[in-house]
Amino acid sequence: MKKVLYTNFVSTEEIIADMLENKDIKKAVTRSNLYKFWSKAAGEKFANKSKPYSLLPGHIMVIACENAIVAQELMLKKTQILLKLQPYLKSLKIKVQDLKFDPKKWQVEED
């Protein structure tokens, strides 16, 4: 049996670097990182009752809410939440000028 020598291996770092050159993947990773900070900006009370859903054109972040009551409470705290998000937004170089709270976007994650 003939031996096969593999000498043209591509390192994991090279593969990841190539993937991050893709504009869509880079954008998705950046958004995912931003979404991880939501619980810090929203606070413990709302961390499990709301979660980022998407970013709309015009720098609007849509937040899925467990129900209309949560959406209303978050709406009242919108200015404070945006202020708490600012350091994370600056570090990720993302602009978010407004938050839209939508209970219709809420989905229960199944275990």
N, C-alpha and C. Protein backbone atom coordinates (compact mmCIF):
# COMPACT_ATOMS: atom_id res chain seq x y z
N MET A 1 0.84 -1.18 0.00
CA MET A 1 0.00 0.00 0.00
C MET A 1 0.88 1.24 0.00
N LYS A 2 0.50 2.19 -0.79
CA LYS A 2 1.29 3.41 -0.95
C LYS A 2 1.01 4.37 0.20
N LYS A 3 2.06 4.95 0.76
CA LYS A 3 1.91 5.92 1.83
C LYS A 3 1.53 7.28 1.26
N VAL A 4 0.60 7.91 1.91
CA VAL A 4 0.19 9.25 1.49
C VAL A 4 0.77 10.23 2.48
N LEU A 5 1.53 11.17 1.97
CA LEU A 5 2.13 12.18 2.83
C LEU A 5 1.34 13.48 2.69
N TYR A 6 0.89 13.97 3.81
CA TYR A 6 0.13 15.22 3.81
C TYR A 6 1.06 16.34 4.27
N THR A 7 1.38 17.21 3.36
CA THR A 7 2.30 18.28 3.73
C THR A 7 1.69 19.67 3.55
N ASN A 8 0.53 19.74 2.95
CA ASN A 8 -0.08 21.04 2.70
C ASN A 8 -1.20 21.34 3.70
N PHE A 9 -0.95 21.07 4.96
CA PHE A 9 -1.96 21.36 5.97
C PHE A 9 -2.12 22.86 6.14
N VAL A 10 -3.34 23.25 6.36
CA VAL A 10 -3.64 24.64 6.65
C VAL A 10 -3.97 24.71 8.13
N SER A 11 -3.34 25.64 8.82
CA SER A 11 -3.56 25.73 10.27
C SER A 11 -4.95 26.28 10.56
N THR A 12 -5.42 25.98 11.75
CA THR A 12 -6.72 26.47 12.19
C THR A 12 -6.74 28.00 12.19
N GLU A 13 -5.65 28.60 12.61
CA GLU A 13 -5.56 30.06 12.64
C GLU A 13 -5.74 30.65 11.25
N GLU A 14 -5.15 30.00 10.25
CA GLU A 14 -5.29 30.49 8.87
C GLU A 14 -6.73 30.37 8.38
N ILE A 15 -7.38 29.27 8.73
CA ILE A 15 -8.77 29.06 8.32
C ILE A 15 -9.67 30.12 8.95
N ILE A 16 -9.47 30.36 10.24
CA ILE A 16 -10.29 31.36 10.94
C ILE A 16 -10.03 32.75 10.38
N ALA A 17 -8.76 33.07 10.13
CA ALA A 17 -8.43 34.38 9.56
C ALA A 17 -9.10 34.56 8.19
N ASP A 18 -9.08 33.50 7.38
CA ASP A 18 -9.75 33.57 6.07
C ASP A 18 -11.26 33.76 6.23
N MET A 19 -11.85 33.06 7.19
CA MET A 19 -13.29 33.19 7.41
C MET A 19 -13.65 34.60 7.87
N LEU A 20 -12.81 35.18 8.72
CA LEU A 20 -13.10 36.52 9.23
C LEU A 20 -12.91 37.60 8.18
N GLU A 21 -12.29 37.27 7.09
CA GLU A 21 -12.19 38.21 5.97
C GLU A 21 -13.54 38.36 5.28
N ASN A 22 -14.39 37.34 5.42
CA ASN A 22 -15.73 37.39 4.84
C ASN A 22 -16.54 38.43 5.60
N LYS A 23 -17.03 39.41 4.89
CA LYS A 23 -17.75 40.54 5.49
C LYS A 23 -18.97 40.10 6.30
N ASP A 24 -19.73 39.14 5.79
CA ASP A 24 -20.94 38.69 6.49
C ASP A 24 -20.62 37.95 7.78
N ILE A 25 -19.58 37.13 7.75
CA ILE A 25 -19.18 36.40 8.96
C ILE A 25 -18.64 37.36 10.00
N LYS A 26 -17.86 38.32 9.56
CA LYS A 26 -17.31 39.31 10.48
C LYS A 26 -18.43 40.09 11.17
N LYS A 27 -19.44 40.46 10.40
CA LYS A 27 -20.58 41.19 10.93
C LYS A 27 -21.35 40.33 11.94
N ALA A 28 -21.53 39.06 11.63
CA ALA A 28 -22.27 38.15 12.52
C ALA A 28 -21.52 37.94 13.83
N VAL A 29 -20.21 37.81 13.77
CA VAL A 29 -19.41 37.63 14.99
C VAL A 29 -19.48 38.88 15.85
N THR A 30 -19.38 40.04 15.23
CA THR A 30 -19.45 41.30 15.97
C THR A 30 -20.80 41.45 16.65
N ARG A 31 -21.88 41.16 15.94
CA ARG A 31 -23.22 41.25 16.52
C ARG A 31 -23.38 40.26 17.66
N SER A 32 -22.87 39.07 17.47
CA SER A 32 -22.96 38.06 18.52
C SER A 32 -22.25 38.53 19.79
N ASN A 33 -21.10 39.15 19.62
CA ASN A 33 -20.38 39.69 20.78
C ASN A 33 -21.19 40.78 21.47
N LEU A 34 -21.82 41.63 20.69
CA LEU A 34 -22.66 42.68 21.27
C LEU A 34 -23.82 42.07 22.05
N TYR A 35 -24.45 41.05 21.50
CA TYR A 35 -25.60 40.43 22.15
C TYR A 35 -25.23 39.81 23.50
N LYS A 36 -23.98 39.40 23.65
CA LYS A 36 -23.53 38.83 24.92
C LYS A 36 -23.56 39.86 26.05
N PHE A 37 -23.47 41.13 25.71
CA PHE A 37 -23.44 42.18 26.71
C PHE A 37 -24.84 42.66 27.11
N TRP A 38 -25.86 42.13 26.47
CA TRP A 38 -27.21 42.60 26.74
C TRP A 38 -27.58 42.49 28.21
N SER A 39 -27.26 41.38 28.86
CA SER A 39 -27.67 41.19 30.25
C SER A 39 -27.04 42.24 31.16
N LYS A 40 -25.85 42.70 30.83
CA LYS A 40 -25.21 43.75 31.64
C LYS A 40 -25.91 45.08 31.46
N ALA A 41 -26.38 45.36 30.26
CA ALA A 41 -27.05 46.63 30.00
C ALA A 41 -28.49 46.61 30.51
N ALA A 42 -29.17 45.50 30.34
CA ALA A 42 -30.58 45.41 30.74
C ALA A 42 -30.75 45.19 32.24
N GLY A 43 -29.76 44.58 32.86
CA GLY A 43 -29.84 44.29 34.29
C GLY A 43 -30.37 42.89 34.55
N GLU A 44 -30.12 42.41 35.75
CA GLU A 44 -30.50 41.04 36.11
C GLU A 44 -31.99 40.77 35.96
N LYS A 45 -32.79 41.74 36.32
CA LYS A 45 -34.24 41.57 36.29
C LYS A 45 -34.76 41.22 34.89
N PHE A 46 -34.12 41.80 33.87
CA PHE A 46 -34.60 41.60 32.49
C PHE A 46 -33.72 40.69 31.66
N ALA A 47 -32.62 40.21 32.22
CA ALA A 47 -31.69 39.39 31.45
C ALA A 47 -32.34 38.12 30.89
N ASN A 48 -33.22 37.49 31.65
CA ASN A 48 -33.87 36.26 31.19
C ASN A 48 -35.22 36.50 30.54
N LYS A 49 -35.66 37.74 30.54
CA LYS A 49 -36.97 38.06 29.98
C LYS A 49 -36.88 38.83 28.67
N SER A 50 -35.66 39.09 28.23
CA SER A 50 -35.45 39.82 26.98
C SER A 50 -34.11 39.40 26.39
N LYS A 51 -34.00 39.53 25.08
CA LYS A 51 -32.73 39.22 24.42
C LYS A 51 -32.69 39.91 23.06
N PRO A 52 -31.49 40.31 22.65
CA PRO A 52 -31.36 40.94 21.34
C PRO A 52 -31.82 40.00 20.24
N TYR A 53 -32.51 40.57 19.27
CA TYR A 53 -33.07 39.76 18.19
C TYR A 53 -32.37 40.06 16.86
N SER A 54 -32.21 41.36 16.55
CA SER A 54 -31.58 41.73 15.28
C SER A 54 -31.19 43.20 15.29
N LEU A 55 -30.45 43.59 14.27
CA LEU A 55 -30.12 44.99 14.04
C LEU A 55 -30.78 45.40 12.73
N LEU A 56 -31.53 46.48 12.79
CA LEU A 56 -32.22 46.99 11.60
C LEU A 56 -31.43 48.14 10.98
N PRO A 57 -31.67 48.41 9.70
CA PRO A 57 -31.06 49.60 9.11
C PRO A 57 -31.49 50.83 9.90
N GLY A 58 -30.63 51.81 9.97
CA GLY A 58 -30.92 53.00 10.76
C GLY A 58 -30.41 52.86 12.18
N HIS A 59 -29.59 51.82 12.41
CA HIS A 59 -28.94 51.60 13.71
C HIS A 59 -29.95 51.35 14.82
N ILE A 60 -30.94 50.52 14.54
CA ILE A 60 -31.97 50.17 15.52
C ILE A 60 -31.79 48.71 15.91
N MET A 61 -31.66 48.46 17.21
CA MET A 61 -31.53 47.09 17.69
C MET A 61 -32.89 46.63 18.19
N VAL A 62 -33.34 45.49 17.66
CA VAL A 62 -34.62 44.92 18.05
C VAL A 62 -34.37 43.96 19.21
N ILE A 63 -35.16 44.13 20.27
CA ILE A 63 -35.04 43.29 21.45
C ILE A 63 -36.32 42.46 21.58
N ALA A 64 -36.17 41.14 21.60
CA ALA A 64 -37.31 40.27 21.83
C ALA A 64 -37.61 40.26 23.32
N CYS A 65 -38.88 40.40 23.66
CA CYS A 65 -39.30 40.46 25.06
C CYS A 65 -40.29 39.35 25.35
N GLU A 66 -40.23 38.85 26.57
CA GLU A 66 -41.09 37.75 26.99
C GLU A 66 -42.58 38.09 26.86
N ASN A 67 -42.92 39.33 27.16
CA ASN A 67 -44.32 39.76 27.05
C ASN A 67 -44.37 41.29 26.93
N ALA A 68 -45.56 41.81 26.76
CA ALA A 68 -45.73 43.26 26.56
C ALA A 68 -45.35 44.06 27.81
N ILE A 69 -45.52 43.47 28.98
CA ILE A 69 -45.16 44.17 30.22
C ILE A 69 -43.65 44.40 30.28
N VAL A 70 -42.90 43.38 29.93
CA VAL A 70 -41.43 43.51 29.90
C VAL A 70 -41.03 44.55 28.87
N ALA A 71 -41.67 44.51 27.71
CA ALA A 71 -41.36 45.48 26.65
C ALA A 71 -41.62 46.91 27.14
N GLN A 72 -42.72 47.10 27.84
CA GLN A 72 -43.06 48.44 28.35
C GLN A 72 -42.05 48.91 29.40
N GLU A 73 -41.68 48.03 30.32
CA GLU A 73 -40.71 48.40 31.35
C GLU A 73 -39.35 48.75 30.74
N LEU A 74 -38.95 47.97 29.74
CA LEU A 74 -37.67 48.25 29.07
C LEU A 74 -37.75 49.56 28.28
N MET A 75 -38.90 49.83 27.70
CA MET A 75 -39.08 51.08 26.96
C MET A 75 -38.86 52.27 27.89
N LEU A 76 -39.34 52.16 29.12
CA LEU A 76 -39.15 53.24 30.08
C LEU A 76 -37.69 53.40 30.49
N LYS A 77 -36.91 52.34 30.35
CA LYS A 77 -35.49 52.38 30.73
C LYS A 77 -34.57 52.51 29.52
N LYS A 78 -35.14 52.79 28.36
CA LYS A 78 -34.37 52.78 27.11
C LYS A 78 -33.14 53.68 27.16
N THR A 79 -33.28 54.89 27.66
CA THR A 79 -32.15 55.83 27.70
C THR A 79 -31.02 55.28 28.55
N GLN A 80 -31.35 54.73 29.72
CA GLN A 80 -30.31 54.17 30.59
C GLN A 80 -29.64 52.96 29.94
N ILE A 81 -30.42 52.13 29.27
CA ILE A 81 -29.85 50.94 28.61
C ILE A 81 -28.89 51.36 27.50
N LEU A 82 -29.30 52.34 26.70
CA LEU A 82 -28.41 52.82 25.63
C LEU A 82 -27.11 53.37 26.20
N LEU A 83 -27.19 54.07 27.32
CA LEU A 83 -25.97 54.60 27.95
C LEU A 83 -25.07 53.46 28.44
N LYS A 84 -25.66 52.42 29.01
CA LYS A 84 -24.88 51.28 29.49
C LYS A 84 -24.26 50.50 28.34
N LEU A 85 -24.91 50.50 27.18
CA LEU A 85 -24.39 49.78 26.01
C LEU A 85 -23.24 50.51 25.32
N GLN A 86 -23.14 51.83 25.50
CA GLN A 86 -22.17 52.63 24.76
C GLN A 86 -20.73 52.12 24.81
N PRO A 87 -20.18 51.77 25.98
CA PRO A 87 -18.79 51.28 25.98
C PRO A 87 -18.61 50.03 25.12
N TYR A 88 -19.58 49.14 25.15
CA TYR A 88 -19.50 47.91 24.34
C TYR A 88 -19.63 48.23 22.86
N LEU A 89 -20.54 49.16 22.54
CA LEU A 89 -20.72 49.55 21.14
C LEU A 89 -19.45 50.19 20.58
N LYS A 90 -18.81 51.03 21.37
CA LYS A 90 -17.58 51.68 20.91
C LYS A 90 -16.47 50.67 20.68
N SER A 91 -16.32 49.72 21.61
CA SER A 91 -15.25 48.73 21.46
C SER A 91 -15.48 47.82 20.26
N LEU A 92 -16.73 47.56 19.91
CA LEU A 92 -17.04 46.71 18.76
C LEU A 92 -17.24 47.51 17.48
N LYS A 93 -17.18 48.82 17.58
CA LYS A 93 -17.36 49.73 16.44
C LYS A 93 -18.72 49.51 15.76
N ILE A 94 -19.76 49.47 16.59
CA ILE A 94 -21.13 49.32 16.11
C ILE A 94 -21.91 50.55 16.55
N LYS A 95 -22.81 51.00 15.69
CA LYS A 95 -23.69 52.11 16.04
C LYS A 95 -25.08 51.57 16.34
N VAL A 96 -25.60 51.93 17.49
CA VAL A 96 -27.00 51.66 17.83
C VAL A 96 -27.56 52.95 18.38
N GLN A 97 -28.54 53.50 17.69
CA GLN A 97 -29.11 54.78 18.11
C GLN A 97 -30.46 54.62 18.79
N ASP A 98 -31.09 53.46 18.59
CA ASP A 98 -32.41 53.28 19.17
C ASP A 98 -32.64 51.80 19.46
N LEU A 99 -33.56 51.53 20.37
CA LEU A 99 -33.95 50.17 20.71
C LEU A 99 -35.43 50.01 20.44
N LYS A 100 -35.80 48.88 19.86
CA LYS A 100 -37.20 48.58 19.61
C LYS A 100 -37.51 47.29 20.37
N PHE A 101 -38.49 47.33 21.25
CA PHE A 101 -38.83 46.18 22.08
C PHE A 101 -40.06 45.50 21.49
N ASP A 102 -39.91 44.20 21.18
CA ASP A 102 -40.97 43.49 20.46
C ASP A 102 -41.29 42.15 21.11
N PRO A 103 -42.43 42.04 21.78
CA PRO A 103 -42.79 40.75 22.39
C PRO A 103 -43.16 39.67 21.36
N LYS A 104 -43.45 40.06 20.13
CA LYS A 104 -43.81 39.09 19.10
C LYS A 104 -42.60 38.28 18.64
N LYS A 105 -41.41 38.78 18.88
CA LYS A 105 -40.18 38.09 18.44
C LYS A 105 -39.70 37.05 19.46
N TRP A 106 -40.32 37.01 20.63
CA TRP A 106 -39.86 36.12 21.69
C TRP A 106 -40.06 34.66 21.29
N GLN A 107 -39.01 33.86 21.47
CA GLN A 107 -39.09 32.43 21.20
C GLN A 107 -38.52 31.71 22.42
N VAL A 108 -39.22 30.70 22.88
CA VAL A 108 -38.73 29.92 24.00
C VAL A 108 -37.75 28.89 23.47
N GLU A 109 -36.56 28.88 24.06
CA GLU A 109 -35.54 27.93 23.64
C GLU A 109 -35.80 26.59 24.30
N GLU A 110 -35.82 25.55 23.49
CA GLU A 110 -36.05 24.20 24.00
C GLU A 110 -34.72 23.57 24.38
N ASP A 111 -34.73 22.85 25.49
CA ASP A 111 -33.50 22.18 25.94
C ASP A 111 -33.29 20.88 25.24
